[in-house]
Protein backbone atom coordinates (compact mmCIF):
# COMPACT_ATOMS: atom_id res chain seq x y z
CA MET A 1 0.00 0.00 0.00
CA LYS A 2 2.82 2.40 0.89
CA ARG A 3 4.45 1.65 -2.43
CA HIS A 4 1.26 2.52 -4.30
CA ALA A 5 0.81 5.68 -2.26
CA PHE A 6 4.36 6.78 -3.07
CA SER A 7 3.81 6.12 -6.79
CA ALA A 8 0.60 8.14 -6.77
CA ALA A 9 2.24 11.02 -4.92
CA PHE A 10 5.21 11.02 -7.30
CA ALA A 11 2.89 10.99 -10.31
CA GLY A 12 0.97 13.89 -8.81
CA THR A 13 4.19 15.84 -8.36
CA LEU A 14 5.10 15.29 -12.01
CA LEU A 15 1.64 16.38 -13.11
CA SER A 16 1.86 19.54 -11.02
CA ALA A 17 5.28 20.31 -12.45
CA ALA A 18 3.98 19.85 -15.98
CA MET A 19 0.98 22.07 -15.30
CA PHE A 20 3.12 24.90 -13.98
CA ALA A 21 5.99 24.56 -16.48
CA SER A 22 7.28 27.89 -17.70
CA PRO A 23 6.17 29.22 -21.13
CA ALA A 24 9.78 28.90 -22.33
CA MET A 25 9.73 25.17 -21.60
CA ALA A 26 6.42 24.75 -23.43
CA GLN A 27 7.72 26.67 -26.44
CA ASP A 28 10.72 24.38 -26.68
CA GLN A 29 8.47 21.38 -27.27
CA GLU A 30 7.84 20.45 -30.89
CA GLN A 31 4.27 20.72 -32.09
CA PHE A 32 3.05 18.36 -34.79
CA ILE A 33 0.34 19.41 -37.22
CA THR A 34 -1.46 17.44 -39.91
CA ILE A 35 -2.97 19.04 -43.01
CA GLY A 36 -5.70 17.28 -44.98
CA THR A 37 -5.21 17.44 -48.75
CA GLY A 38 -6.75 15.29 -51.52
CA GLY A 39 -5.72 12.72 -54.12
CA GLN A 40 -2.02 12.55 -54.94
CA THR A 41 -2.62 13.63 -58.56
CA GLY A 42 -4.57 16.73 -57.52
CA VAL A 43 -3.53 20.27 -56.64
CA TYR A 44 -4.84 19.96 -53.06
CA TYR A 45 -2.07 17.48 -52.35
CA VAL A 46 0.46 19.98 -53.69
CA VAL A 47 -1.08 22.77 -51.59
CA GLY A 48 -0.68 20.77 -48.38
CA GLN A 49 2.78 19.52 -49.24
CA SER A 50 3.90 23.03 -50.21
CA ILE A 51 2.63 24.58 -46.97
CA CYS A 52 4.33 21.85 -44.96
CA ARG A 53 7.59 22.36 -46.83
CA LEU A 54 7.62 26.02 -45.85
CA VAL A 55 6.48 25.40 -42.26
CA ASN A 56 9.16 22.76 -41.76
CA ARG A 57 11.78 25.29 -42.87
CA LEU A 58 10.94 27.59 -39.94
CA GLU A 59 13.90 27.67 -37.58
CA ASP A 60 12.39 28.88 -34.31
CA ALA A 61 8.73 27.83 -34.44
CA ASN A 62 9.28 24.18 -33.41
CA ILE A 63 6.43 23.04 -35.67
CA LYS A 64 6.59 19.81 -37.65
CA CYS A 65 4.06 19.42 -40.43
CA ASN A 66 2.81 16.52 -42.54
CA ALA A 67 0.17 16.51 -45.28
CA PRO A 68 -1.15 13.05 -46.17
CA SER A 69 -3.44 12.28 -49.09
CA THR A 70 -7.11 12.31 -48.08
CA GLY A 71 -10.59 12.01 -49.57
CA GLY A 72 -10.84 15.74 -50.27
CA SER A 73 -12.87 18.75 -49.13
CA VAL A 74 -15.70 17.20 -47.12
CA ALA A 75 -13.41 14.58 -45.62
CA ASN A 76 -10.94 17.28 -44.59
CA ILE A 77 -13.55 19.37 -42.79
CA ASN A 78 -14.92 16.27 -41.06
CA GLY A 79 -11.35 15.37 -40.08
CA ILE A 80 -10.79 18.81 -38.59
CA LYS A 81 -14.09 18.53 -36.74
CA SER A 82 -13.16 15.13 -35.29
CA GLY A 83 -9.66 16.26 -34.31
CA GLU A 84 -7.87 13.92 -36.72
CA LEU A 85 -6.64 16.90 -38.75
CA ASP A 86 -5.45 20.34 -37.65
CA MET A 87 -5.98 22.12 -40.96
CA GLY A 88 -7.10 21.21 -44.46
CA VAL A 89 -7.88 22.31 -47.99
CA ALA A 90 -11.53 22.65 -48.99
CA GLN A 91 -13.53 24.10 -51.84
CA SER A 92 -15.10 27.48 -51.09
CA ASP A 93 -18.59 26.03 -51.54
CA VAL A 94 -17.86 23.24 -49.07
CA GLN A 95 -16.48 25.78 -46.59
CA TYR A 96 -19.72 27.75 -46.88
CA GLN A 97 -21.93 24.68 -46.56
CA ALA A 98 -20.05 23.36 -43.53
CA TYR A 99 -20.15 26.66 -41.65
CA ASN A 100 -23.80 27.30 -42.46
CA GLY A 101 -25.08 23.72 -42.19
CA THR A 102 -26.36 23.26 -45.75
CA LYS A 103 -26.08 20.62 -48.50
CA SER A 104 -23.66 17.89 -47.36
CA PHE A 105 -23.78 19.38 -43.84
CA GLU A 106 -27.55 19.90 -43.67
CA GLY A 107 -28.64 20.54 -40.10
CA ASP A 108 -25.10 20.16 -38.75
CA ALA A 109 -23.51 23.61 -38.99
CA TYR A 110 -19.84 23.57 -37.99
CA THR A 111 -19.59 27.04 -36.48
CA ASP A 112 -16.11 26.31 -35.08
CA LEU A 113 -14.76 26.26 -38.65
CA ARG A 114 -12.29 29.05 -39.38
CA ALA A 115 -10.82 30.34 -42.64
CA VAL A 116 -7.08 30.83 -43.04
CA PHE A 117 -6.69 31.92 -46.68
CA ARG A 118 -7.96 31.32 -50.20
CA VAL A 119 -5.71 29.57 -52.67
CA HIS A 120 -6.26 28.99 -56.43
CA GLY A 121 -9.39 28.95 -58.56
CA GLU A 122 -10.90 25.56 -59.40
CA PRO A 123 -13.28 25.04 -62.30
CA LEU A 124 -15.57 22.01 -62.45
CA THR A 125 -13.91 20.04 -65.23
CA LEU A 126 -15.86 17.55 -67.34
CA LEU A 127 -13.71 15.30 -69.52
CA ALA A 128 -15.23 12.73 -71.91
CA ARG A 129 -13.86 10.13 -74.27
CA ALA A 130 -14.05 11.39 -77.85
CA ASP A 131 -15.81 8.18 -78.90
CA SER A 132 -18.53 8.53 -76.24
CA GLY A 133 -20.69 10.94 -78.21
CA ILE A 134 -20.66 13.41 -75.32
CA THR A 135 -20.37 17.04 -76.44
CA THR A 136 -22.68 18.79 -73.92
CA LEU A 137 -23.65 18.36 -70.28
CA ASP A 138 -27.02 16.87 -71.23
CA ASP A 139 -25.25 14.12 -73.18
CA LEU A 140 -24.24 12.54 -69.85
CA VAL A 141 -27.73 11.07 -69.55
CA GLY A 142 -27.50 7.30 -69.99
CA LYS A 143 -23.69 7.32 -69.96
CA ARG A 144 -21.07 5.86 -67.60
CA VAL A 145 -19.94 8.79 -65.48
CA ASN A 146 -17.54 9.00 -62.56
CA ILE A 147 -19.24 11.48 -60.23
CA GLY A 148 -16.46 11.40 -57.60
CA ASN A 149 -15.84 9.61 -54.35
CA PRO A 150 -17.93 10.43 -51.27
CA GLY A 151 -16.23 13.16 -49.26
CA SER A 152 -14.62 14.78 -52.29
CA GLY A 153 -15.20 18.29 -53.57
CA GLN A 154 -16.04 17.10 -57.08
CA ARG A 155 -18.77 14.84 -55.71
CA ASN A 156 -20.18 17.76 -53.76
CA THR A 157 -20.20 20.13 -56.74
CA MET A 158 -21.44 17.46 -59.16
CA GLN A 159 -24.37 16.86 -56.81
CA VAL A 160 -25.24 20.56 -57.09
CA VAL A 161 -25.28 20.19 -60.88
CA MET A 162 -27.36 17.02 -60.67
CA ASP A 163 -29.87 18.73 -58.37
CA ALA A 164 -30.15 21.67 -60.77
CA LYS A 165 -30.76 19.29 -63.68
CA GLY A 166 -33.18 17.11 -61.72
CA TRP A 167 -30.87 14.11 -62.09
CA THR A 168 -30.33 11.15 -59.79
CA MET A 169 -27.81 8.32 -59.78
CA ASP A 170 -30.22 6.44 -62.05
CA THR A 171 -29.82 9.14 -64.71
CA PHE A 172 -26.56 7.44 -65.72
CA SER A 173 -26.09 3.88 -66.93
CA LEU A 174 -23.24 3.80 -64.40
CA ALA A 175 -22.52 6.35 -61.67
CA SER A 176 -19.08 5.29 -60.48
CA GLN A 177 -17.50 6.77 -57.36
CA LEU A 178 -13.78 6.45 -58.02
CA ASP A 179 -11.40 8.82 -56.34
CA ALA A 180 -9.30 11.34 -58.23
CA ALA A 181 -6.28 9.06 -58.58
CA GLU A 182 -8.30 6.29 -60.24
CA GLN A 183 -10.51 8.05 -62.74
CA ALA A 184 -7.97 8.88 -65.47
CA SER A 185 -7.03 5.23 -65.92
CA ALA A 186 -10.72 4.24 -65.82
CA LEU A 187 -11.39 6.65 -68.71
CA ALA A 188 -8.41 5.34 -70.66
CA ASP A 189 -9.45 1.72 -70.07
CA ASN A 190 -12.98 2.46 -71.33
CA ASN A 191 -14.55 1.65 -67.98
CA ILE A 192 -16.27 5.06 -67.93
CA ASP A 193 -17.32 7.52 -70.63
CA ALA A 194 -16.71 10.70 -68.65
CA MET A 195 -15.21 12.01 -65.42
CA VAL A 196 -15.63 15.19 -63.39
CA TYR A 197 -12.95 16.94 -61.38
CA VAL A 198 -12.95 20.22 -59.45
CA VAL A 199 -9.33 21.18 -59.81
CA GLY A 200 -6.83 23.88 -60.69
CA HIS A 201 -5.16 23.73 -64.08
CA PRO A 202 -2.90 22.42 -65.43
CA ASN A 203 -3.58 19.15 -63.65
CA GLY A 204 -1.72 15.83 -63.75
CA SER A 205 -4.81 13.62 -63.81
CA ILE A 206 -6.33 15.48 -66.80
CA GLN A 207 -2.91 15.42 -68.46
CA GLU A 208 -2.68 11.66 -67.94
CA ALA A 209 -6.15 11.06 -69.36
CA THR A 210 -5.74 13.20 -72.47
CA THR A 211 -2.37 11.68 -73.37
CA THR A 212 -3.55 8.07 -73.02
CA VAL A 213 -6.92 8.36 -74.77
CA ASP A 214 -8.55 10.79 -77.18
CA ALA A 215 -10.63 12.88 -74.76
CA ARG A 216 -12.36 16.25 -74.83
CA LEU A 217 -13.14 18.90 -72.24
CA ILE A 218 -16.90 19.56 -72.28
CA PRO A 219 -18.33 23.06 -71.70
CA LEU A 220 -20.57 23.64 -68.68
CA ASN A 221 -22.43 26.81 -69.60
CA ASP A 222 -26.13 25.97 -70.09
CA GLU A 223 -29.05 27.71 -68.38
CA GLU A 224 -29.01 25.46 -65.32
CA VAL A 225 -25.32 26.13 -64.76
CA LYS A 226 -25.85 29.87 -65.16
CA GLY A 227 -28.61 29.57 -62.57
CA ILE A 228 -26.21 27.91 -60.13
CA VAL A 229 -23.71 30.75 -60.53
CA ALA A 230 -26.45 33.34 -60.05
CA GLU A 231 -27.84 31.65 -56.92
CA TYR A 232 -24.68 30.84 -54.95
CA PRO A 233 -22.12 33.55 -54.11
CA TYR A 234 -19.20 31.11 -53.86
CA TYR A 235 -19.49 30.00 -57.52
CA SER A 236 -18.29 31.99 -60.51
CA ALA A 237 -18.01 31.53 -64.27
CA SER A 238 -14.63 30.24 -65.33
CA VAL A 239 -12.62 29.33 -68.42
CA ILE A 240 -10.16 26.48 -68.89
CA PRO A 241 -7.56 27.87 -71.32
CA GLY A 242 -7.04 26.05 -74.57
CA GLY A 243 -3.72 24.39 -75.29
CA LEU A 244 -3.11 22.97 -71.81
CA TYR A 245 -3.97 19.41 -72.84
CA LYS A 246 -3.53 17.28 -75.94
CA GLY A 247 -6.45 17.53 -78.33
CA ASN A 248 -8.00 20.48 -76.47
CA ASP A 249 -6.85 23.61 -78.24
CA GLU A 250 -9.88 25.84 -77.59
CA ASP A 251 -10.95 27.64 -74.42
CA VAL A 252 -13.75 25.84 -72.58
CA GLU A 253 -16.38 27.67 -70.54
CA THR A 254 -17.38 26.25 -67.19
CA PHE A 255 -17.91 27.41 -63.61
CA GLY A 256 -16.13 26.76 -60.39
CA VAL A 257 -15.01 27.57 -56.91
CA ALA A 258 -11.79 28.43 -55.14
CA ALA A 259 -9.60 26.22 -53.02
CA THR A 260 -9.46 27.49 -49.44
CA PHE A 261 -7.30 26.64 -46.44
CA VAL A 262 -9.28 26.09 -43.25
CA THR A 263 -8.89 25.12 -39.61
CA THR A 264 -10.83 25.19 -36.35
CA VAL A 265 -11.31 27.92 -33.75
CA LYS A 266 -9.61 25.52 -31.32
CA ALA A 267 -6.31 25.60 -33.25
CA ASP A 268 -3.49 27.36 -31.41
CA ASP A 269 -3.20 31.01 -32.47
CA GLU A 270 0.59 30.90 -32.63
CA VAL A 271 0.63 27.76 -34.79
CA ILE A 272 -1.78 29.30 -37.29
CA TYR A 273 0.16 32.58 -37.24
CA GLN A 274 3.44 30.79 -37.96
CA THR A 275 1.82 28.70 -40.72
CA VAL A 276 0.47 31.80 -42.45
CA LYS A 277 3.77 33.61 -41.95
CA ALA A 278 5.68 30.69 -43.50
CA VAL A 279 3.58 30.95 -46.66
CA PHE A 280 3.43 34.72 -47.14
CA ASP A 281 6.96 35.53 -45.99
CA ASN A 282 8.08 33.10 -48.72
CA PHE A 283 5.35 33.91 -51.20
CA ASP A 284 7.48 33.92 -54.34
CA ARG A 285 8.81 30.49 -53.43
CA PHE A 286 5.25 29.24 -52.76
CA LYS A 287 4.00 30.46 -56.15
CA ARG A 288 6.75 28.50 -57.92
CA LEU A 289 5.64 25.19 -56.39
CA HIS A 290 2.77 24.65 -58.86
CA PRO A 291 1.60 26.40 -62.06
CA ALA A 292 -1.87 26.88 -60.51
CA PHE A 293 -0.27 29.23 -57.94
CA GLU A 294 1.44 31.45 -60.52
CA ASN A 295 -1.11 34.29 -60.55
CA LEU A 296 -2.00 34.34 -56.86
CA VAL A 297 -2.16 37.74 -55.14
CA ALA A 298 -1.35 37.65 -51.43
CA GLU A 299 -3.81 40.30 -50.22
CA GLU A 300 -6.68 38.74 -52.21
CA MET A 301 -5.94 35.36 -50.62
CA ALA A 302 -6.44 36.93 -47.20
CA THR A 303 -9.67 38.75 -48.00
CA GLN A 304 -11.62 37.09 -50.82
CA GLY A 305 -13.62 33.85 -51.18
CA LEU A 306 -13.82 33.15 -47.43
CA SER A 307 -17.24 32.39 -45.95
CA ALA A 308 -16.16 31.35 -42.45
CA PRO A 309 -14.59 33.86 -40.02
CA LEU A 310 -10.83 34.29 -40.14
CA HIS A 311 -8.87 32.43 -37.49
CA ASP A 312 -7.38 34.88 -34.97
CA GLY A 313 -3.84 33.69 -35.74
CA ALA A 314 -4.29 34.39 -39.45
CA ALA A 315 -5.99 37.74 -38.80
CA ARG A 316 -3.05 38.81 -36.64
CA TYR A 317 -0.61 38.33 -39.54
CA TYR A 318 -2.91 40.07 -42.04
CA ARG A 319 -3.28 43.08 -39.73
CA GLU A 320 0.49 43.31 -39.47
CA GLN A 321 0.64 43.49 -43.27
CA GLY A 322 -2.14 46.09 -43.43
CA TRP A 323 -4.39 43.76 -45.46
CA ILE A 324 -7.27 43.90 -42.98
CA LYS A 325 -8.21 46.31 -40.18
């Protein structure tokens, strides 16, 4: 009994010491953060990896960052909510829906969600085999279409399109749910007729598909799509430039969202501040890490396309730069 009492007392002493450790001691401890991204062929994966590369270069912050591949926007926000992730990349529409409790988050508003910054624009991209007979959005009826894996941004946005058109899963002869890394090979192997992807351009998956099979980008600009853009503030008309992919020399009209970087109100202010500082203090380096980042403007990333409140750590940096009041 005495032995147990001694052990308990000693453990209590250690706990008390830990509780009252000086701030300097706490700052010396490494903090590990995990960023949710997307499929390894997508730009979200590059966003997370790029942020981590810059964070891990910080000399005095004692932050170690990793950015594994995940299911995408919805999965990232759910991961942040559950505590499995500290930060993540999400489409601007998914950010809005999560914070306000609509669409995929109907009745379950995540008001602890916080915005950090906007990244690149992302058009909804519809790519079809040239031999499929698909030249318009309506031609998808009765075809084999990959609508995206559950938890992904493309699935979320494609569902918005399907709702606007009055379509269901039964509208297609096959509604496959492959993730981003699988769909290019499925198109090339003639297992599907078309695939959708919400992604910045140029993109490796679209590049892979168009170089292995004759495939065409399909415009998304009919009345229903225009209605979506008019109704929802986080969507905007977009153009995929011609000449980025083999066999697709003309500009293609579509609509899309923006990639955003998000976290939770519970995230440590200093960690978020240092993460933001790592990106914007090395902004030219960041922009060189992917062609989709080339035309980014720092101040716009801090102030535009964000539908959840800014995290206090991010706001602190932006105030220092004079970007917000």
